[in-house]
């Protein structure tokens, strides 16, 4: 089933998704893919967590899409051994046409926490379910319909963080000029005539990502 986020991307043209990291256990697989974009609103990292049975047939699949800037900081904290816990809430607002099958809004929640008491200290949990719209267009989880949890050893969590962070940084470097152009804001200067020369009546600022 195609997610609401994917439908939104398809409406803007073709969807490009590259697998960045994959972690497989005996009954689950974590897929981290990039949906990087020059548009900050569409610049995402996609998480897909899949559970299968003894015959390798899919039983449950949950998804979540995090903002790139947020997850870069999470990766940095993991690599520098300062990470404790992070929860990210996402959903499909009514204006985006992302209604669940029963007519309610779809809500998604990703939680990553570290408990050093355990041999596999990193716990990744993704909930997908029914949500309701709150202020500013946000979607709050009302009832989770699908939920999966994955335990990650310290080594694999650090490997995930380093791999994702390197990939994002490489993409940002390659697309630096395009990102700069896409994020340039033109601010007219009051009291300055345009005839004073090219760009004399305006000043350009590039927003840092």
N, C-alpha and C. Protein backbone atom coordinates (compact mmCIF):
# COMPACT_ATOMS: atom_id res chain seq x y z
N UNK A 1 0.85 -1.20 0.00
CA UNK A 1 0.00 0.00 0.00
C UNK A 1 0.88 1.25 0.00
N UNK A 2 0.65 2.17 -0.87
CA UNK A 2 1.44 3.39 -0.98
C UNK A 2 1.03 4.36 0.11
N UNK A 3 2.04 4.92 0.81
CA UNK A 3 1.76 5.82 1.91
C UNK A 3 1.29 7.17 1.42
N UNK A 4 0.72 7.96 2.34
CA UNK A 4 0.26 9.29 1.99
C UNK A 4 1.41 10.19 1.60
N UNK A 5 2.58 10.02 2.25
CA UNK A 5 3.74 10.83 1.91
C UNK A 5 4.19 10.54 0.48
N UNK A 6 4.12 9.26 0.09
CA UNK A 6 4.50 8.90 -1.26
C UNK A 6 3.51 9.46 -2.26
N UNK A 7 2.22 9.46 -1.92
CA UNK A 7 1.24 10.04 -2.82
C UNK A 7 1.54 11.52 -3.05
N UNK A 8 1.90 12.23 -1.97
CA UNK A 8 2.22 13.65 -2.12
C UNK A 8 3.41 13.85 -3.02
N UNK A 9 4.43 12.96 -2.92
CA UNK A 9 5.59 13.08 -3.77
C UNK A 9 5.26 12.75 -5.21
N UNK A 10 4.39 11.76 -5.43
CA UNK A 10 3.99 11.42 -6.79
C UNK A 10 3.26 12.58 -7.44
N UNK A 11 2.50 13.34 -6.65
CA UNK A 11 1.76 14.46 -7.21
C UNK A 11 2.69 15.56 -7.70
N UNK A 12 3.96 15.55 -7.24
CA UNK A 12 4.92 16.54 -7.68
C UNK A 12 5.85 15.97 -8.76
N UNK A 13 5.56 14.76 -9.27
CA UNK A 13 6.42 14.13 -10.25
C UNK A 13 6.81 12.74 -9.78
N UNK A 14 7.88 12.20 -10.37
CA UNK A 14 8.30 10.86 -10.04
C UNK A 14 8.92 10.81 -8.65
N UNK A 15 8.79 9.65 -8.00
CA UNK A 15 9.33 9.46 -6.67
C UNK A 15 10.69 8.77 -6.79
N UNK A 16 11.71 9.37 -6.18
CA UNK A 16 13.05 8.78 -6.15
C UNK A 16 13.36 8.36 -4.73
N UNK A 17 13.67 7.08 -4.54
CA UNK A 17 13.97 6.58 -3.21
C UNK A 17 15.21 5.70 -3.30
N UNK A 18 16.21 6.01 -2.49
CA UNK A 18 17.45 5.25 -2.46
C UNK A 18 17.62 4.66 -1.07
N UNK A 19 17.85 3.36 -1.00
CA UNK A 19 18.08 2.73 0.29
C UNK A 19 19.45 3.14 0.82
N UNK A 20 19.48 3.67 2.03
CA UNK A 20 20.72 4.14 2.64
C UNK A 20 21.26 3.14 3.65
N UNK A 21 20.35 2.49 4.39
CA UNK A 21 20.78 1.56 5.44
C UNK A 21 19.74 0.46 5.57
N UNK A 22 20.24 -0.77 5.87
CA UNK A 22 19.35 -1.91 6.05
C UNK A 22 19.87 -2.77 7.20
N UNK A 23 18.95 -3.15 8.09
CA UNK A 23 19.30 -4.01 9.23
C UNK A 23 18.29 -5.15 9.29
N UNK A 24 18.79 -6.38 9.29
CA UNK A 24 17.92 -7.56 9.21
C UNK A 24 18.12 -8.43 10.45
N UNK A 25 16.99 -8.85 11.05
CA UNK A 25 17.01 -9.84 12.13
C UNK A 25 16.25 -11.08 11.64
N UNK A 26 16.03 -12.04 12.54
CA UNK A 26 15.39 -13.27 12.11
C UNK A 26 13.94 -13.08 11.71
N UNK A 27 13.27 -12.03 12.21
CA UNK A 27 11.86 -11.84 11.88
C UNK A 27 11.51 -10.41 11.48
N UNK A 28 12.53 -9.53 11.36
CA UNK A 28 12.23 -8.14 11.03
C UNK A 28 13.34 -7.54 10.18
N UNK A 29 12.97 -6.52 9.44
CA UNK A 29 13.95 -5.80 8.65
C UNK A 29 13.66 -4.31 8.75
N UNK A 30 14.71 -3.53 8.96
CA UNK A 30 14.62 -2.08 8.99
C UNK A 30 15.24 -1.53 7.72
N UNK A 31 14.46 -0.74 7.00
CA UNK A 31 14.94 -0.10 5.77
C UNK A 31 14.90 1.42 5.98
N UNK A 32 16.05 2.06 5.79
CA UNK A 32 16.12 3.52 5.87
C UNK A 32 16.45 4.04 4.48
N UNK A 33 15.57 4.85 3.96
CA UNK A 33 15.72 5.37 2.60
C UNK A 33 15.69 6.89 2.62
N UNK A 34 16.26 7.47 1.59
CA UNK A 34 16.26 8.93 1.51
C UNK A 34 15.22 9.43 0.53
N UNK A 35 14.56 10.51 0.92
CA UNK A 35 13.69 11.26 0.04
C UNK A 35 14.13 12.72 0.11
N UNK A 36 15.41 12.93 -0.20
CA UNK A 36 16.00 14.26 -0.07
C UNK A 36 15.50 15.18 -1.17
N UNK A 37 15.28 16.42 -0.80
CA UNK A 37 14.70 17.39 -1.73
C UNK A 37 15.24 18.77 -1.43
N UNK A 38 15.26 19.63 -2.46
CA UNK A 38 15.65 21.01 -2.27
C UNK A 38 14.58 21.79 -1.52
N UNK A 39 13.35 21.26 -1.50
CA UNK A 39 12.26 21.88 -0.76
C UNK A 39 12.32 21.40 0.69
N UNK A 40 12.58 22.28 1.66
CA UNK A 40 12.71 21.84 3.05
C UNK A 40 11.49 21.08 3.57
N UNK A 41 10.30 21.37 3.04
CA UNK A 41 9.09 20.71 3.52
C UNK A 41 9.03 19.26 3.06
N UNK A 42 9.72 18.92 2.00
CA UNK A 42 9.69 17.56 1.46
C UNK A 42 11.00 16.82 1.69
N UNK A 43 11.93 17.43 2.39
CA UNK A 43 13.25 16.85 2.63
C UNK A 43 13.17 15.86 3.79
N UNK A 44 13.11 14.57 3.48
CA UNK A 44 12.81 13.56 4.50
C UNK A 44 13.76 12.37 4.43
N UNK A 45 13.82 11.67 5.56
CA UNK A 45 14.42 10.33 5.64
C UNK A 45 13.29 9.37 5.97
N UNK A 46 13.16 8.30 5.17
CA UNK A 46 12.06 7.36 5.35
C UNK A 46 12.49 6.11 6.11
N UNK A 47 11.66 5.72 7.09
CA UNK A 47 11.88 4.49 7.87
C UNK A 47 10.76 3.51 7.54
N UNK A 48 11.12 2.29 7.18
CA UNK A 48 10.16 1.21 6.99
C UNK A 48 10.58 0.04 7.85
N UNK A 49 9.70 -0.41 8.71
CA UNK A 49 9.97 -1.56 9.59
C UNK A 49 8.98 -2.65 9.23
N UNK A 50 9.50 -3.81 8.85
CA UNK A 50 8.67 -4.92 8.35
C UNK A 50 8.88 -6.15 9.22
N UNK A 51 7.75 -6.80 9.56
CA UNK A 51 7.80 -8.07 10.30
C UNK A 51 7.28 -9.17 9.40
N UNK A 52 7.99 -10.33 9.38
CA UNK A 52 7.53 -11.46 8.58
C UNK A 52 7.40 -12.71 9.42
N UNK A 53 6.72 -13.73 8.85
CA UNK A 53 6.52 -14.99 9.56
C UNK A 53 7.62 -15.99 9.20
N UNK A 54 7.44 -17.27 9.61
CA UNK A 54 8.47 -18.28 9.39
C UNK A 54 8.72 -18.54 7.91
N UNK A 55 7.74 -18.27 7.07
CA UNK A 55 7.89 -18.49 5.63
C UNK A 55 8.27 -17.21 4.88
N UNK A 56 8.72 -16.22 5.64
CA UNK A 56 9.17 -14.94 5.08
C UNK A 56 8.07 -14.20 4.34
N UNK A 57 6.86 -14.35 4.82
CA UNK A 57 5.74 -13.58 4.28
C UNK A 57 5.46 -12.41 5.20
N UNK A 58 5.27 -11.24 4.62
CA UNK A 58 5.10 -10.03 5.41
C UNK A 58 3.84 -10.11 6.25
N UNK A 59 3.97 -9.77 7.54
CA UNK A 59 2.84 -9.75 8.46
C UNK A 59 2.41 -8.31 8.77
N UNK A 60 3.37 -7.48 9.14
CA UNK A 60 3.07 -6.10 9.52
C UNK A 60 4.14 -5.18 8.95
N UNK A 61 3.70 -4.02 8.47
CA UNK A 61 4.64 -3.02 7.98
C UNK A 61 4.21 -1.65 8.51
N UNK A 62 5.17 -0.94 9.07
CA UNK A 62 4.92 0.42 9.56
C UNK A 62 5.96 1.34 8.93
N UNK A 63 5.56 2.63 8.78
CA UNK A 63 6.45 3.60 8.14
C UNK A 63 6.43 4.92 8.90
N UNK A 64 7.53 5.64 8.72
CA UNK A 64 7.62 6.97 9.29
C UNK A 64 8.59 7.79 8.45
N UNK A 65 8.39 9.11 8.45
CA UNK A 65 9.22 10.01 7.66
C UNK A 65 9.67 11.15 8.57
N UNK A 66 10.99 11.27 8.76
CA UNK A 66 11.53 12.27 9.68
C UNK A 66 12.17 13.41 8.87
N UNK A 67 12.20 14.58 9.49
CA UNK A 67 12.88 15.72 8.88
C UNK A 67 14.39 15.49 8.93
N UNK A 68 15.06 15.82 7.84
CA UNK A 68 16.49 15.54 7.73
C UNK A 68 17.29 16.27 8.82
N UNK A 69 16.99 17.54 9.04
CA UNK A 69 17.75 18.31 10.03
C UNK A 69 17.64 17.68 11.42
N UNK A 70 16.46 17.17 11.77
CA UNK A 70 16.28 16.55 13.08
C UNK A 70 17.11 15.27 13.21
N UNK A 71 17.07 14.43 12.17
CA UNK A 71 17.76 13.15 12.28
C UNK A 71 19.27 13.30 12.17
N UNK A 72 19.75 14.34 11.53
CA UNK A 72 21.19 14.60 11.53
C UNK A 72 21.69 14.83 12.96
N UNK A 73 20.90 15.56 13.74
CA UNK A 73 21.28 15.80 15.13
C UNK A 73 21.23 14.51 15.95
N UNK A 74 20.22 13.67 15.69
CA UNK A 74 20.13 12.38 16.38
C UNK A 74 21.36 11.53 16.07
N UNK A 75 21.75 11.50 14.80
CA UNK A 75 22.94 10.72 14.41
C UNK A 75 24.19 11.25 15.10
N UNK A 76 24.31 12.57 15.18
CA UNK A 76 25.47 13.17 15.83
C UNK A 76 25.52 12.77 17.31
N UNK A 77 24.37 12.80 17.98
CA UNK A 77 24.31 12.43 19.39
C UNK A 77 24.69 10.96 19.59
N UNK A 78 24.21 10.07 18.70
CA UNK A 78 24.56 8.65 18.81
C UNK A 78 26.06 8.45 18.67
N UNK A 79 26.66 9.10 17.68
CA UNK A 79 28.08 8.93 17.42
C UNK A 79 28.95 9.52 18.52
N UNK A 80 28.42 10.52 19.22
CA UNK A 80 29.18 11.16 20.29
C UNK A 80 28.77 10.66 21.68
N UNK A 81 27.97 9.59 21.71
CA UNK A 81 27.58 8.93 22.96
C UNK A 81 26.85 9.87 23.92
N UNK A 82 26.05 10.77 23.36
CA UNK A 82 25.25 11.67 24.20
C UNK A 82 23.75 11.44 24.00
N UNK A 83 23.38 10.45 23.20
CA UNK A 83 21.97 10.23 22.89
C UNK A 83 21.27 9.53 24.05
N UNK A 84 20.02 9.95 24.32
CA UNK A 84 19.20 9.29 25.33
C UNK A 84 17.85 8.85 24.75
N UNK A 85 17.07 9.80 24.23
CA UNK A 85 15.74 9.45 23.70
C UNK A 85 15.25 10.54 22.77
N UNK A 86 14.50 10.12 21.75
CA UNK A 86 13.92 11.06 20.78
C UNK A 86 12.61 10.50 20.27
N UNK A 87 11.58 11.35 20.23
CA UNK A 87 10.28 10.97 19.70
C UNK A 87 9.88 11.97 18.62
N UNK A 88 9.42 11.44 17.50
CA UNK A 88 9.03 12.29 16.37
C UNK A 88 7.60 11.97 15.97
N UNK A 89 6.76 13.00 15.90
CA UNK A 89 5.36 12.84 15.53
C UNK A 89 5.13 13.39 14.12
N UNK A 90 4.47 12.61 13.31
CA UNK A 90 4.12 13.04 11.96
C UNK A 90 2.69 12.57 11.66
N UNK A 91 2.10 13.16 10.63
CA UNK A 91 0.75 12.76 10.24
C UNK A 91 0.37 13.37 8.91
N UNK A 92 -0.79 13.02 8.48
CA UNK A 92 -1.31 13.51 7.21
C UNK A 92 -2.49 14.43 7.47
N UNK A 93 -2.29 15.76 7.40
CA UNK A 93 -3.39 16.70 7.64
C UNK A 93 -4.45 16.59 6.58
N UNK A 94 -5.66 17.03 6.94
CA UNK A 94 -6.80 16.94 6.02
C UNK A 94 -6.54 17.69 4.73
N UNK A 95 -5.80 18.81 4.78
CA UNK A 95 -5.55 19.59 3.58
C UNK A 95 -4.67 18.86 2.60
N UNK A 96 -3.92 17.85 3.09
CA UNK A 96 -3.06 17.09 2.19
C UNK A 96 -3.74 15.90 1.57
N UNK A 97 -5.00 15.67 1.89
CA UNK A 97 -5.73 14.56 1.31
C UNK A 97 -5.33 13.21 1.88
N UNK A 98 -4.65 13.20 3.02
CA UNK A 98 -4.15 11.95 3.57
C UNK A 98 -5.10 11.32 4.56
N UNK A 99 -6.23 10.89 4.12
CA UNK A 99 -7.20 10.26 5.01
C UNK A 99 -6.99 8.78 5.07
N UNK A 100 -7.10 8.21 6.26
CA UNK A 100 -7.02 6.77 6.42
C UNK A 100 -8.27 6.13 5.83
N UNK A 101 -8.26 4.78 5.78
CA UNK A 101 -9.34 4.07 5.11
C UNK A 101 -10.68 4.31 5.80
N UNK A 102 -10.68 4.49 7.12
CA UNK A 102 -11.94 4.68 7.83
C UNK A 102 -12.36 6.13 7.88
N UNK A 103 -11.64 6.99 7.13
CA UNK A 103 -12.01 8.40 7.07
C UNK A 103 -11.30 9.27 8.07
N UNK A 104 -10.54 8.67 9.00
CA UNK A 104 -9.80 9.46 9.98
C UNK A 104 -8.44 9.84 9.42
N UNK A 105 -7.78 10.75 10.08
CA UNK A 105 -6.44 11.14 9.67
C UNK A 105 -5.44 10.07 10.09
N UNK A 106 -4.37 9.93 9.32
CA UNK A 106 -3.33 8.97 9.65
C UNK A 106 -2.25 9.64 10.49
N UNK A 107 -1.88 9.00 11.59
CA UNK A 107 -0.83 9.51 12.47
C UNK A 107 0.31 8.50 12.51
N UNK A 108 1.54 9.03 12.63
CA UNK A 108 2.73 8.18 12.72
C UNK A 108 3.64 8.72 13.83
N UNK A 109 4.18 7.81 14.61
CA UNK A 109 5.08 8.20 15.70
C UNK A 109 6.30 7.28 15.68
N UNK A 110 7.48 7.88 15.69
CA UNK A 110 8.73 7.13 15.79
C UNK A 110 9.41 7.49 17.11
N UNK A 111 9.79 6.46 17.87
CA UNK A 111 10.50 6.66 19.13
C UNK A 111 11.80 5.87 19.10
N UNK A 112 12.88 6.54 19.42
CA UNK A 112 14.19 5.90 19.53
C UNK A 112 14.76 6.25 20.91
N UNK A 113 15.10 5.24 21.68
CA UNK A 113 15.66 5.50 23.01
C UNK A 113 16.81 4.54 23.28
N UNK A 114 17.64 4.92 24.21
CA UNK A 114 18.79 4.10 24.59
C UNK A 114 18.72 3.76 26.06
N UNK A 115 18.83 2.46 26.36
CA UNK A 115 18.88 1.98 27.73
C UNK A 115 20.17 1.16 27.89
N UNK A 116 21.21 1.74 28.45
CA UNK A 116 22.52 1.07 28.50
C UNK A 116 22.54 -0.20 29.35
N UNK A 117 21.48 -0.50 30.06
CA UNK A 117 21.46 -1.71 30.89
C UNK A 117 21.39 -2.98 30.04
N UNK A 118 20.95 -2.86 28.80
CA UNK A 118 20.70 -4.04 27.97
C UNK A 118 21.80 -4.25 26.95
N UNK A 119 21.92 -5.51 26.50
CA UNK A 119 22.93 -5.87 25.52
C UNK A 119 22.66 -5.21 24.17
N UNK A 120 21.39 -5.03 23.85
CA UNK A 120 20.99 -4.29 22.65
C UNK A 120 20.29 -3.01 23.13
N UNK A 121 21.05 -1.99 23.40
CA UNK A 121 20.51 -0.85 24.16
C UNK A 121 19.59 0.08 23.39
N UNK A 122 19.64 0.06 22.06
CA UNK A 122 18.81 0.99 21.29
C UNK A 122 17.48 0.33 20.93
N UNK A 123 16.40 1.02 21.26
CA UNK A 123 15.05 0.51 21.00
C UNK A 123 14.35 1.46 20.03
N UNK A 124 14.03 0.95 18.85
CA UNK A 124 13.33 1.73 17.83
C UNK A 124 11.88 1.23 17.73
N UNK A 125 10.94 2.14 17.89
CA UNK A 125 9.52 1.78 17.81
C UNK A 125 8.80 2.72 16.86
N UNK A 126 7.99 2.15 15.98
CA UNK A 126 7.19 2.94 15.03
C UNK A 126 5.73 2.55 15.20
N UNK A 127 4.88 3.55 15.44
CA UNK A 127 3.44 3.36 15.54
C UNK A 127 2.76 4.04 14.35
N UNK A 128 1.86 3.34 13.71
CA UNK A 128 0.98 3.90 12.69
C UNK A 128 -0.45 3.72 13.15
N UNK A 129 -1.28 4.74 12.97
CA UNK A 129 -2.66 4.59 13.41
C UNK A 129 -3.53 5.76 13.05
N UNK A 130 -4.62 5.88 13.80
CA UNK A 130 -5.62 6.90 13.55
C UNK A 130 -5.28 8.14 14.36
N UNK A 131 -5.37 9.28 13.74
CA UNK A 131 -5.06 10.52 14.43
C UNK A 131 -6.17 11.55 14.31
N UNK A 132 -5.96 12.64 15.01
CA UNK A 132 -6.88 13.76 14.90
C UNK A 132 -6.06 15.03 14.76
N UNK A 133 -6.65 15.99 14.05
CA UNK A 133 -5.93 17.23 13.78
C UNK A 133 -6.03 18.17 14.97
N UNK A 134 -4.88 18.74 15.33
CA UNK A 134 -4.83 19.72 16.41
C UNK A 134 -4.38 21.05 15.83
N UNK A 135 -4.00 21.98 16.67
CA UNK A 135 -3.64 23.31 16.18
C UNK A 135 -2.48 23.30 15.21
N UNK A 136 -2.48 24.29 14.32
CA UNK A 136 -1.42 24.49 13.32
C UNK A 136 -1.28 23.33 12.34
N UNK A 137 -2.36 22.56 12.16
CA UNK A 137 -2.35 21.49 11.18
C UNK A 137 -1.65 20.22 11.61
N UNK A 138 -1.18 20.13 12.85
CA UNK A 138 -0.51 18.93 13.33
C UNK A 138 -1.52 17.80 13.54
N UNK A 139 -1.02 16.56 13.50
CA UNK A 139 -1.87 15.39 13.68
C UNK A 139 -1.41 14.63 14.92
N UNK A 140 -2.33 14.40 15.86
CA UNK A 140 -2.03 13.69 17.11
C UNK A 140 -2.54 12.26 17.03
N UNK A 141 -1.72 11.32 17.53
CA UNK A 141 -2.12 9.91 17.55
C UNK A 141 -3.27 9.70 18.53
N UNK A 142 -4.35 9.08 18.06
CA UNK A 142 -5.50 8.75 18.90
C UNK A 142 -5.51 7.26 19.22
N UNK A 143 -5.25 6.46 18.19
CA UNK A 143 -5.26 5.01 18.39
C UNK A 143 -4.29 4.36 17.41
N UNK A 144 -3.31 3.64 17.95
CA UNK A 144 -2.35 2.94 17.10
C UNK A 144 -2.97 1.66 16.56
N UNK A 145 -2.89 1.46 15.25
CA UNK A 145 -3.43 0.25 14.62
C UNK A 145 -2.33 -0.75 14.29
N UNK A 146 -1.12 -0.25 14.05
CA UNK A 146 0.03 -1.11 13.78
C UNK A 146 1.23 -0.56 14.54
N UNK A 147 1.99 -1.47 15.14
CA UNK A 147 3.14 -1.05 15.94
C UNK A 147 4.22 -2.14 15.89
N UNK A 148 5.46 -1.72 15.65
CA UNK A 148 6.59 -2.66 15.64
C UNK A 148 7.76 -2.06 16.40
N UNK A 149 8.52 -2.94 17.03
CA UNK A 149 9.70 -2.52 17.79
C UNK A 149 10.90 -3.32 17.32
N UNK A 150 12.06 -2.66 17.26
CA UNK A 150 13.30 -3.31 16.86
C UNK A 150 14.40 -2.94 17.85
N UNK A 151 15.15 -3.96 18.31
CA UNK A 151 16.28 -3.73 19.19
C UNK A 151 17.56 -3.67 18.38
N UNK A 152 18.40 -2.68 18.68
CA UNK A 152 19.64 -2.50 17.94
C UNK A 152 20.83 -2.55 18.90
N UNK A 153 21.85 -3.36 18.59
CA UNK A 153 23.08 -3.32 19.38
C UNK A 153 23.78 -1.98 19.19
N UNK A 154 24.67 -1.66 20.11
CA UNK A 154 25.41 -0.40 20.05
C UNK A 154 26.13 -0.24 18.71
N UNK A 155 26.79 -1.30 18.27
CA UNK A 155 27.56 -1.23 17.01
C UNK A 155 26.67 -0.91 15.83
N UNK A 156 25.53 -1.58 15.72
CA UNK A 156 24.65 -1.36 14.58
C UNK A 156 24.00 0.02 14.62
N UNK A 157 23.70 0.51 15.82
CA UNK A 157 23.14 1.86 15.92
C UNK A 157 24.16 2.90 15.46
N UNK A 158 25.41 2.73 15.86
CA UNK A 158 26.45 3.66 15.44
C UNK A 158 26.71 3.54 13.94
N UNK A 159 26.66 2.32 13.43
CA UNK A 159 26.83 2.12 11.98
C UNK A 159 25.71 2.79 11.20
N UNK A 160 24.49 2.67 11.70
CA UNK A 160 23.36 3.35 11.07
C UNK A 160 23.55 4.86 11.06
N UNK A 161 23.92 5.40 12.22
CA UNK A 161 24.09 6.85 12.33
C UNK A 161 25.18 7.35 11.40
N UNK A 162 26.31 6.67 11.36
CA UNK A 162 27.42 7.11 10.51
C UNK A 162 27.06 7.02 9.03
N UNK A 163 26.39 5.93 8.64
CA UNK A 163 26.01 5.73 7.24
C UNK A 163 25.03 6.79 6.77
N UNK A 164 23.99 7.04 7.56
CA UNK A 164 22.99 8.03 7.17
C UNK A 164 23.59 9.43 7.15
N UNK A 165 24.36 9.76 8.16
CA UNK A 165 24.95 11.09 8.24
C UNK A 165 25.91 11.34 7.08
N UNK A 166 26.73 10.35 6.74
CA UNK A 166 27.64 10.51 5.60
C UNK A 166 26.88 10.70 4.30
N UNK A 167 25.80 9.93 4.12
CA UNK A 167 25.03 10.03 2.88
C UNK A 167 24.40 11.41 2.74
N UNK A 168 23.79 11.90 3.82
CA UNK A 168 23.14 13.20 3.76
C UNK A 168 24.15 14.31 3.51
N UNK A 169 25.28 14.25 4.18
CA UNK A 169 26.31 15.27 3.99
C UNK A 169 26.85 15.26 2.57
N UNK A 170 27.05 14.06 2.00
CA UNK A 170 27.51 13.98 0.61
C UNK A 170 26.49 14.59 -0.34
N UNK A 171 25.21 14.28 -0.11
CA UNK A 171 24.15 14.83 -0.98
C UNK A 171 24.11 16.35 -0.86
N UNK A 172 24.22 16.86 0.35
CA UNK A 172 24.18 18.31 0.55
C UNK A 172 25.38 18.99 -0.09
N UNK A 173 26.54 18.32 -0.08
CA UNK A 173 27.73 18.90 -0.71
C UNK A 173 27.59 18.94 -2.23
N UNK A 174 27.14 17.83 -2.79
CA UNK A 174 26.96 17.76 -4.25
C UNK A 174 25.93 18.78 -4.73
N UNK A 175 24.89 18.98 -3.94
CA UNK A 175 23.80 19.89 -4.33
C UNK A 175 23.90 21.25 -3.64
N UNK A 176 25.10 21.62 -3.22
CA UNK A 176 25.25 22.86 -2.45
C UNK A 176 24.75 24.07 -3.22
N UNK A 177 25.18 24.22 -4.47
CA UNK A 177 24.78 25.41 -5.25
C UNK A 177 23.28 25.44 -5.48
N UNK A 178 22.68 24.28 -5.80
CA UNK A 178 21.24 24.23 -6.01
C UNK A 178 20.49 24.56 -4.72
N UNK A 179 20.99 24.05 -3.59
CA UNK A 179 20.35 24.33 -2.30
C UNK A 179 20.45 25.81 -1.98
N UNK A 180 21.59 26.42 -2.29
CA UNK A 180 21.77 27.84 -2.03
C UNK A 180 20.80 28.68 -2.86
N UNK A 181 20.64 28.30 -4.13
CA UNK A 181 19.72 29.03 -5.00
C UNK A 181 18.28 28.84 -4.54
N UNK A 182 17.92 27.61 -4.15
CA UNK A 182 16.54 27.33 -3.75
C UNK A 182 16.18 28.04 -2.44
N UNK A 183 17.16 28.32 -1.59
CA UNK A 183 16.89 28.90 -0.28
C UNK A 183 17.24 30.38 -0.20
N UNK A 184 17.53 31.00 -1.36
CA UNK A 184 17.85 32.42 -1.38
C UNK A 184 16.58 33.25 -1.22
N UNK A 185 16.62 34.20 -0.33
CA UNK A 185 15.49 35.10 -0.07
C UNK A 185 15.88 36.50 -0.50
N UNK A 186 15.03 37.13 -1.31
CA UNK A 186 15.28 38.49 -1.78
C UNK A 186 14.53 39.47 -0.89
N UNK A 187 15.27 40.40 -0.27
CA UNK A 187 14.67 41.37 0.65
C UNK A 187 14.84 42.78 0.05
N UNK A 188 13.76 43.43 -0.36
CA UNK A 188 13.87 44.80 -0.88
C UNK A 188 14.36 45.75 0.21
N UNK A 189 15.24 46.66 -0.15
CA UNK A 189 15.76 47.63 0.80
C UNK A 189 14.97 48.93 0.67
N UNK A 190 14.35 49.39 1.74
CA UNK A 190 13.55 50.62 1.67
C UNK A 190 14.42 51.84 1.39
N UNK A 191 13.90 52.75 0.58
CA UNK A 191 14.58 54.00 0.30
C UNK A 191 15.71 53.90 -0.69
N UNK A 192 15.87 52.72 -1.32
CA UNK A 192 16.94 52.55 -2.31
C UNK A 192 16.30 52.37 -3.67
N UNK A 193 16.70 53.16 -4.63
CA UNK A 193 16.14 53.10 -5.97
C UNK A 193 16.80 51.97 -6.75
N UNK A 194 15.99 51.29 -7.57
CA UNK A 194 16.51 50.20 -8.39
C UNK A 194 17.52 50.69 -9.40
N UNK A 195 17.51 51.97 -9.76
CA UNK A 195 18.40 52.51 -10.77
C UNK A 195 19.83 52.66 -10.27
N UNK A 196 20.08 52.40 -8.99
CA UNK A 196 21.41 52.58 -8.44
C UNK A 196 22.37 51.47 -8.87
N UNK A 197 21.91 50.62 -9.70
CA UNK A 197 22.77 49.54 -10.19
C UNK A 197 22.11 48.20 -9.99
N UNK A 198 22.70 47.21 -10.60
CA UNK A 198 22.12 45.87 -10.52
C UNK A 198 22.10 45.38 -9.08
N UNK A 199 20.91 45.04 -8.62
CA UNK A 199 20.76 44.58 -7.24
C UNK A 199 20.82 45.71 -6.23
N UNK A 200 20.75 46.97 -6.71
CA UNK A 200 20.88 48.08 -5.79
C UNK A 200 19.70 48.25 -4.87
N UNK A 201 18.52 47.78 -5.27
CA UNK A 201 17.32 47.97 -4.46
C UNK A 201 16.95 46.72 -3.68
N UNK A 202 17.83 45.72 -3.68
CA UNK A 202 17.50 44.49 -2.97
C UNK A 202 18.77 43.85 -2.44
N UNK A 203 18.58 43.01 -1.43
CA UNK A 203 19.71 42.27 -0.86
C UNK A 203 19.31 40.81 -0.77
N UNK A 204 20.23 39.95 -1.14
CA UNK A 204 19.94 38.51 -1.18
C UNK A 204 20.59 37.81 0.01
N UNK A 205 19.81 36.96 0.64
CA UNK A 205 20.29 36.17 1.76
C UNK A 205 20.02 34.70 1.47
N UNK A 206 20.99 33.85 1.76
CA UNK A 206 20.82 32.41 1.62
C UNK A 206 20.62 31.82 3.00
N UNK A 207 19.51 31.12 3.17
CA UNK A 207 19.19 30.51 4.47
C UNK A 207 20.00 29.23 4.65
N UNK A 208 20.66 29.10 5.76
CA UNK A 208 21.42 27.89 6.04
C UNK A 208 20.49 26.75 6.37
N UNK A 209 20.77 25.58 5.82
CA UNK A 209 19.91 24.41 6.05
C UNK A 209 20.21 23.81 7.41
